[in-house]
Structures are given as structure tokens and as C-alpha cells.
Amino acid sequence: MKTKEGDIFKRDLDGEEYKIRRIVNRMVVLESKDGKRQILTEIDNLQLKSFYQQKWNIEAFKSML
């Protein structure tokens, strides 16, 4: 599945959930649920299971049906 804006990831270091706000080239801006924190990371880092776990977006899944 391709990573896109709006996808939600859980960061394993602190258990916090982050939403992809913006993707530019290979860089991704992740924003916490409360909007108080942002993380800039490379898109390939989201696939590393030791750092992030993707959460299923139910609305996006329903739109694919």
C-alpha cells in the first residue's frame, strides 16, 4: 500500500500517533493528534517496523470498496 497524506502511524518510541500532513519528494511531515508536535522524517523510515507501525484508516479503506 502506498503511503499518502492522511495516513496514521504510531511511533514505537513513545506510542504516540502521528498523521502524515505533507509529503515533499522523499520527506514526510508527521503531526501529532493534538497538533503540538511535528516530526520531519524520510518516507522510507515509515516502513521500518522498529520505529513506526501504520494504523489502518477506516475511511480510506471504505472508499476503496
PDB file of N, CA and C in Angstrom:
ATOM      1  N   MET A   1       0.845  -1.183   0.000  1.00  0.00           N
ATOM      2  CA  MET A   1       0.000   0.000   0.000  1.00  0.00           C
ATOM      3  C   MET A   1       0.886   1.241   0.000  1.00  0.00           C
ATOM      4  N   LYS A   2       0.560   2.202  -0.832  1.00  0.00           N
ATOM      5  CA  LYS A   2       1.351   3.413  -0.958  1.00  0.00           C
ATOM      6  C   LYS A   2       1.060   4.377   0.197  1.00  0.00           C
ATOM      7  N   THR A   3       2.108   4.975   0.717  1.00  0.00           N
ATOM      8  CA  THR A   3       1.973   5.956   1.791  1.00  0.00           C
ATOM      9  C   THR A   3       1.472   7.266   1.205  1.00  0.00           C
ATOM     10  N   LYS A   4       0.464   7.874   1.864  1.00  0.00           N
ATOM     11  CA  LYS A   4      -0.116   9.110   1.350  1.00  0.00           C
ATOM     12  C   LYS A   4      -0.486  10.041   2.506  1.00  0.00           C
ATOM     13  N   GLU A   5      -0.746  11.294   2.163  1.00  0.00           N
ATOM     14  CA  GLU A   5      -1.159  12.266   3.178  1.00  0.00           C
ATOM     15  C   GLU A   5      -2.450  11.802   3.829  1.00  0.00           C
ATOM     16  N   GLY A   6      -2.514  11.932   5.147  1.00  0.00           N
ATOM     17  CA  GLY A   6      -3.680  11.500   5.902  1.00  0.00           C
ATOM     18  C   GLY A   6      -3.497  10.154   6.582  1.00  0.00           C
ATOM     19  N   ASP A   7      -2.500   9.371   6.138  1.00  0.00           N
ATOM     20  CA  ASP A   7      -2.232   8.088   6.790  1.00  0.00           C
ATOM     21  C   ASP A   7      -1.776   8.320   8.223  1.00  0.00           C
ATOM     22  N   ILE A   8      -2.073   7.361   9.085  1.00  0.00           N
ATOM     23  CA  ILE A   8      -1.746   7.480  10.508  1.00  0.00           C
ATOM     24  C   ILE A   8      -0.727   6.415  10.879  1.00  0.00           C
ATOM     25  N   PHE A   9       0.313   6.850  11.615  1.00  0.00           N
ATOM     26  CA  PHE A   9       1.357   5.952  12.078  1.00  0.00           C
ATOM     27  C   PHE A   9       1.521   6.102  13.584  1.00  0.00           C
ATOM     28  N   LYS A  10       1.823   4.999  14.235  1.00  0.00           N
ATOM     29  CA  LYS A  10       2.117   5.005  15.670  1.00  0.00           C
ATOM     30  C   LYS A  10       3.623   4.881  15.828  1.00  0.00           C
ATOM     31  N   ARG A  11       4.211   5.810  16.557  1.00  0.00           N
ATOM     32  CA  ARG A  11       5.653   5.790  16.788  1.00  0.00           C
ATOM     33  C   ARG A  11       5.943   4.874  17.969  1.00  0.00           C
ATOM     34  N   ASP A  12       6.787   3.880  17.761  1.00  0.00           N
ATOM     35  CA  ASP A  12       7.056   2.881  18.786  1.00  0.00           C
ATOM     36  C   ASP A  12       7.825   3.437  19.985  1.00  0.00           C
ATOM     37  N   LEU A  13       8.578   4.499  19.804  1.00  0.00           N
ATOM     38  CA  LEU A  13       9.373   5.046  20.906  1.00  0.00           C
ATOM     39  C   LEU A  13       8.510   5.542  22.060  1.00  0.00           C
ATOM     40  N   ASP A  14       7.375   6.178  21.744  1.00  0.00           N
ATOM     41  CA  ASP A  14       6.528   6.743  22.797  1.00  0.00           C
ATOM     42  C   ASP A  14       5.057   6.341  22.684  1.00  0.00           C
ATOM     43  N   GLY A  15       4.706   5.579  21.646  1.00  0.00           N
ATOM     44  CA  GLY A  15       3.325   5.138  21.483  1.00  0.00           C
ATOM     45  C   GLY A  15       2.385   6.203  20.938  1.00  0.00           C
ATOM     46  N   GLU A  16       2.934   7.351  20.598  1.00  0.00           N
ATOM     47  CA  GLU A  16       2.140   8.469  20.085  1.00  0.00           C
ATOM     48  C   GLU A  16       1.726   8.217  18.630  1.00  0.00           C
ATOM     49  N   GLU A  17       0.509   8.650  18.280  1.00  0.00           N
ATOM     50  CA  GLU A  17       0.029   8.518  16.907  1.00  0.00           C
ATOM     51  C   GLU A  17       0.259   9.831  16.160  1.00  0.00           C
ATOM     52  N   TYR A  18       0.720   9.693  14.918  1.00  0.00           N
ATOM     53  CA  TYR A  18       1.001  10.842  14.069  1.00  0.00           C
ATOM     54  C   TYR A  18       0.314  10.665  12.727  1.00  0.00           C
ATOM     55  N   LYS A  19      -0.162  11.769  12.188  1.00  0.00           N
ATOM     56  CA  LYS A  19      -0.821  11.778  10.885  1.00  0.00           C
ATOM     57  C   LYS A  19       0.117  12.438   9.873  1.00  0.00           C
ATOM     58  N   ILE A  20       0.181  11.887   8.672  1.00  0.00           N
ATOM     59  CA  ILE A  20       1.007  12.488   7.627  1.00  0.00           C
ATOM     60  C   ILE A  20       0.317  13.758   7.150  1.00  0.00           C
ATOM     61  N   ARG A  21       0.970  14.882   7.360  1.00  0.00           N
ATOM     62  CA  ARG A  21       0.420  16.169   6.955  1.00  0.00           C
ATOM     63  C   ARG A  21       0.857  16.547   5.551  1.00  0.00           C
ATOM     64  N   ARG A  22       2.100  16.226   5.218  1.00  0.00           N
ATOM     65  CA  ARG A  22       2.642  16.666   3.928  1.00  0.00           C
ATOM     66  C   ARG A  22       3.754  15.729   3.486  1.00  0.00           C
ATOM     67  N   ILE A  23       3.802  15.464   2.185  1.00  0.00           N
ATOM     68  CA  ILE A  23       4.885  14.683   1.592  1.00  0.00           C
ATOM     69  C   ILE A  23       5.488  15.533   0.480  1.00  0.00           C
ATOM     70  N   VAL A  24       6.804  15.768   0.563  1.00  0.00           N
ATOM     71  CA  VAL A  24       7.528  16.520  -0.455  1.00  0.00           C
ATOM     72  C   VAL A  24       8.775  15.719  -0.808  1.00  0.00           C
ATOM     73  N   ASN A  25       8.841  15.310  -2.068  1.00  0.00           N
ATOM     74  CA  ASN A  25       9.915  14.443  -2.535  1.00  0.00           C
ATOM     75  C   ASN A  25       9.971  13.190  -1.663  1.00  0.00           C
ATOM     76  N   ARG A  26      11.034  12.989  -0.912  1.00  0.00           N
ATOM     77  CA  ARG A  26      11.184  11.808  -0.059  1.00  0.00           C
ATOM     78  C   ARG A  26      10.973  12.141   1.419  1.00  0.00           C
ATOM     79  N   MET A  27      10.601  13.379   1.717  1.00  0.00           N
ATOM     80  CA  MET A  27      10.443  13.814   3.102  1.00  0.00           C
ATOM     81  C   MET A  27       8.962  13.874   3.487  1.00  0.00           C
ATOM     82  N   VAL A  28       8.700  13.551   4.768  1.00  0.00           N
ATOM     83  CA  VAL A  28       7.333  13.497   5.296  1.00  0.00           C
ATOM     84  C   VAL A  28       7.247  14.338   6.561  1.00  0.00           C
ATOM     85  N   VAL A  29       6.180  15.130   6.675  1.00  0.00           N
ATOM     86  CA  VAL A  29       5.895  15.854   7.912  1.00  0.00           C
ATOM     87  C   VAL A  29       4.794  15.090   8.637  1.00  0.00           C
ATOM     88  N   LEU A  30       5.131  14.619   9.834  1.00  0.00           N
ATOM     89  CA  LEU A  30       4.160  13.932  10.690  1.00  0.00           C
ATOM     90  C   LEU A  30       3.704  14.902  11.765  1.00  0.00           C
ATOM     91  N   GLU A  31       2.396  14.910  12.052  1.00  0.00           N
ATOM     92  CA  GLU A  31       1.857  15.791  13.084  1.00  0.00           C
ATOM     93  C   GLU A  31       1.108  14.957  14.113  1.00  0.00           C
ATOM     94  N   SER A  32       1.343  15.261  15.397  1.00  0.00           N
ATOM     95  CA  SER A  32       0.665  14.526  16.463  1.00  0.00           C
ATOM     96  C   SER A  32      -0.823  14.822  16.435  1.00  0.00           C
ATOM     97  N   LYS A  33      -1.601  13.952  17.077  1.00  0.00           N
ATOM     98  CA  LYS A  33      -3.060  14.113  17.097  1.00  0.00           C
ATOM     99  C   LYS A  33      -3.488  15.459  17.683  1.00  0.00           C
ATOM    100  N   ASP A  34      -2.777  15.908  18.723  1.00  0.00           N
ATOM    101  CA  ASP A  34      -3.142  17.180  19.353  1.00  0.00           C
ATOM    102  C   ASP A  34      -2.579  18.392  18.611  1.00  0.00           C
ATOM    103  N   GLY A  35      -1.749  18.149  17.597  1.00  0.00           N
ATOM    104  CA  GLY A  35      -1.198  19.229  16.785  1.00  0.00           C
ATOM    105  C   GLY A  35      -0.044  19.978  17.416  1.00  0.00           C
ATOM    106  N   LYS A  36       0.441  19.511  18.558  1.00  0.00           N
ATOM    107  CA  LYS A  36       1.500  20.223  19.272  1.00  0.00           C
ATOM    108  C   LYS A  36       2.909  19.812  18.848  1.00  0.00           C
ATOM    109  N   ARG A  37       3.031  18.659  18.183  1.00  0.00           N
ATOM    110  CA  ARG A  37       4.355  18.179  17.781  1.00  0.00           C
ATOM    111  C   ARG A  37       4.356  17.821  16.301  1.00  0.00           C
ATOM    112  N   GLN A  38       5.501  18.093  15.664  1.00  0.00           N
ATOM    113  CA  GLN A  38       5.700  17.685  14.286  1.00  0.00           C
ATOM    114  C   GLN A  38       7.052  17.004  14.173  1.00  0.00           C
ATOM    115  N   ILE A  39       7.119  16.033  13.275  1.00  0.00           N
ATOM    116  CA  ILE A  39       8.361  15.307  13.023  1.00  0.00           C
ATOM    117  C   ILE A  39       8.615  15.335  11.528  1.00  0.00           C
ATOM    118  N   LEU A  40       9.843  15.618  11.139  1.00  0.00           N
ATOM    119  CA  LEU A  40      10.259  15.551   9.755  1.00  0.00           C
ATOM    120  C   LEU A  40      11.124  14.306   9.604  1.00  0.00           C
ATOM    121  N   THR A  41      10.734  13.410   8.700  1.00  0.00           N
ATOM    122  CA  THR A  41      11.476  12.171   8.505  1.00  0.00           C
ATOM    123  C   THR A  41      11.433  11.780   7.037  1.00  0.00           C
ATOM    124  N   GLU A  42      12.313  10.887   6.668  1.00  0.00           N
ATOM    125  CA  GLU A  42      12.326  10.377   5.304  1.00  0.00           C
ATOM    126  C   GLU A  42      11.226   9.317   5.161  1.00  0.00           C
ATOM    127  N   ILE A  43      10.587   9.264   4.018  1.00  0.00           N
ATOM    128  CA  ILE A  43       9.444   8.384   3.818  1.00  0.00           C
ATOM    129  C   ILE A  43       9.806   6.913   4.041  1.00  0.00           C
ATOM    130  N   ASP A  44      11.036   6.518   3.717  1.00  0.00           N
ATOM    131  CA  ASP A  44      11.454   5.127   3.916  1.00  0.00           C
ATOM    132  C   ASP A  44      11.494   4.738   5.392  1.00  0.00           C
ATOM    133  N   ASN A  45      11.693   5.706   6.285  1.00  0.00           N
ATOM    134  CA  ASN A  45      11.712   5.417   7.719  1.00  0.00           C
ATOM    135  C   ASN A  45      10.364   4.913   8.227  1.00  0.00           C
ATOM    136  N   LEU A  46       9.280   5.281   7.552  1.00  0.00           N
ATOM    137  CA  LEU A  46       7.951   4.844   7.979  1.00  0.00           C
ATOM    138  C   LEU A  46       7.758   3.347   7.773  1.00  0.00           C
ATOM    139  N   GLN A  47       8.563   2.752   6.915  1.00  0.00           N
ATOM    140  CA  GLN A  47       8.463   1.322   6.652  1.00  0.00           C
ATOM    141  C   GLN A  47       9.299   0.482   7.623  1.00  0.00           C
ATOM    142  N   LEU A  48      10.131   1.138   8.430  1.00  0.00           N
ATOM    143  CA  LEU A  48      10.952   0.428   9.413  1.00  0.00           C
ATOM    144  C   LEU A  48      10.089   0.063  10.609  1.00  0.00           C
ATOM    145  N   LYS A  49       9.844  -1.206  10.799  1.00  0.00           N
ATOM    146  CA  LYS A  49       8.938  -1.669  11.863  1.00  0.00           C
ATOM    147  C   LYS A  49       9.469  -1.376  13.264  1.00  0.00           C
ATOM    148  N   SER A  50      10.762  -1.099  13.378  1.00  0.00           N
ATOM    149  CA  SER A  50      11.312  -0.792  14.694  1.00  0.00           C
ATOM    150  C   SER A  50      11.025   0.651  15.125  1.00  0.00           C
ATOM    151  N   PHE A  51      10.555   1.489  14.199  1.00  0.00           N
ATOM    152  CA  PHE A  51      10.242   2.876  14.515  1.00  0.00           C
ATOM    153  C   PHE A  51       8.751   3.197  14.458  1.00  0.00           C
ATOM    154  N   TYR A  52       8.064   2.726  13.412  1.00  0.00           N
ATOM    155  CA  TYR A  52       6.674   3.112  13.181  1.00  0.00           C
ATOM    156  C   TYR A  52       5.815   1.914  12.810  1.00  0.00           C
ATOM    157  N   GLN A  53       4.557   1.964  13.215  1.00  0.00           N
ATOM    158  CA  GLN A  53       3.558   0.975  12.814  1.00  0.00           C
ATOM    159  C   GLN A  53       2.404   1.739  12.171  1.00  0.00           C
ATOM    160  N   GLN A  54       2.008   1.342  10.975  1.00  0.00           N
ATOM    161  CA  GLN A  54       0.908   2.033  10.308  1.00  0.00           C
ATOM    162  C   GLN A  54      -0.419   1.609  10.917  1.00  0.00           C
ATOM    163  N   LYS A  55      -1.262   2.587  11.176  1.00  0.00           N
ATOM    164  CA  LYS A  55      -2.614   2.336  11.670  1.00  0.00           C
ATOM    165  C   LYS A  55      -3.536   2.362  10.456  1.00  0.00           C
ATOM    166  N   TRP A  56      -4.538   1.501  10.470  1.00  0.00           N
ATOM    167  CA  TRP A  56      -5.464   1.458   9.346  1.00  0.00           C
ATOM    168  C   TRP A  56      -6.426   2.621   9.427  1.00  0.00           C
ATOM    169  N   ASN A  57      -6.596   3.298   8.297  1.00  0.00           N
ATOM    170  CA  ASN A  57      -7.532   4.396   8.184  1.00  0.00           C
ATOM    171  C   ASN A  57      -8.837   3.831   7.627  1.00  0.00           C
ATOM    172  N   ILE A  58      -9.836   3.655   8.468  1.00  0.00           N
ATOM    173  CA  ILE A  58     -11.095   3.013   8.096  1.00  0.00           C
ATOM    174  C   ILE A  58     -11.792   3.767   6.969  1.00  0.00           C
ATOM    175  N   GLU A  59     -11.798   5.099   7.033  1.00  0.00           N
ATOM    176  CA  GLU A  59     -12.467   5.876   5.996  1.00  0.00           C
ATOM    177  C   GLU A  59     -11.824   5.650   4.637  1.00  0.00           C
ATOM    178  N   ALA A  60     -10.493   5.617   4.595  1.00  0.00           N
ATOM    179  CA  ALA A  60      -9.791   5.387   3.332  1.00  0.00           C
ATOM    180  C   ALA A  60     -10.067   3.974   2.827  1.00  0.00           C
ATOM    181  N   PHE A  61     -10.134   3.021   3.744  1.00  0.00           N
ATOM    182  CA  PHE A  61     -10.411   1.643   3.353  1.00  0.00           C
ATOM    183  C   PHE A  61     -11.814   1.518   2.736  1.00  0.00           C
ATOM    184  N   LYS A  62     -12.788   2.172   3.347  1.00  0.00           N
ATOM    185  CA  LYS A  62     -14.163   2.126   2.834  1.00  0.00           C
ATOM    186  C   LYS A  62     -14.259   2.751   1.457  1.00  0.00           C
ATOM    187  N   SER A  63     -13.468   3.807   1.215  1.00  0.00           N
ATOM    188  CA  SER A  63     -13.528   4.476  -0.089  1.00  0.00           C
ATOM    189  C   SER A  63     -12.955   3.601  -1.201  1.00  0.00           C
ATOM    190  N   MET A  64     -12.128   2.611  -0.851  1.00  0.00           N
ATOM    191  CA  MET A  64     -11.553   1.700  -1.852  1.00  0.00           C
ATOM    192  C   MET A  64     -12.543   0.633  -2.268  1.00  0.00           C
ATOM    193  N   LEU A  65     -13.592   0.413  -1.472  1.00  0.00           N
ATOM    194  CA  LEU A  65     -14.573  -0.632  -1.795  1.00  0.00           C
ATOM    195  C   LEU A  65     -15.540  -0.206  -2.865  1.00  0.00           C
TER     196      LEU A  65
END
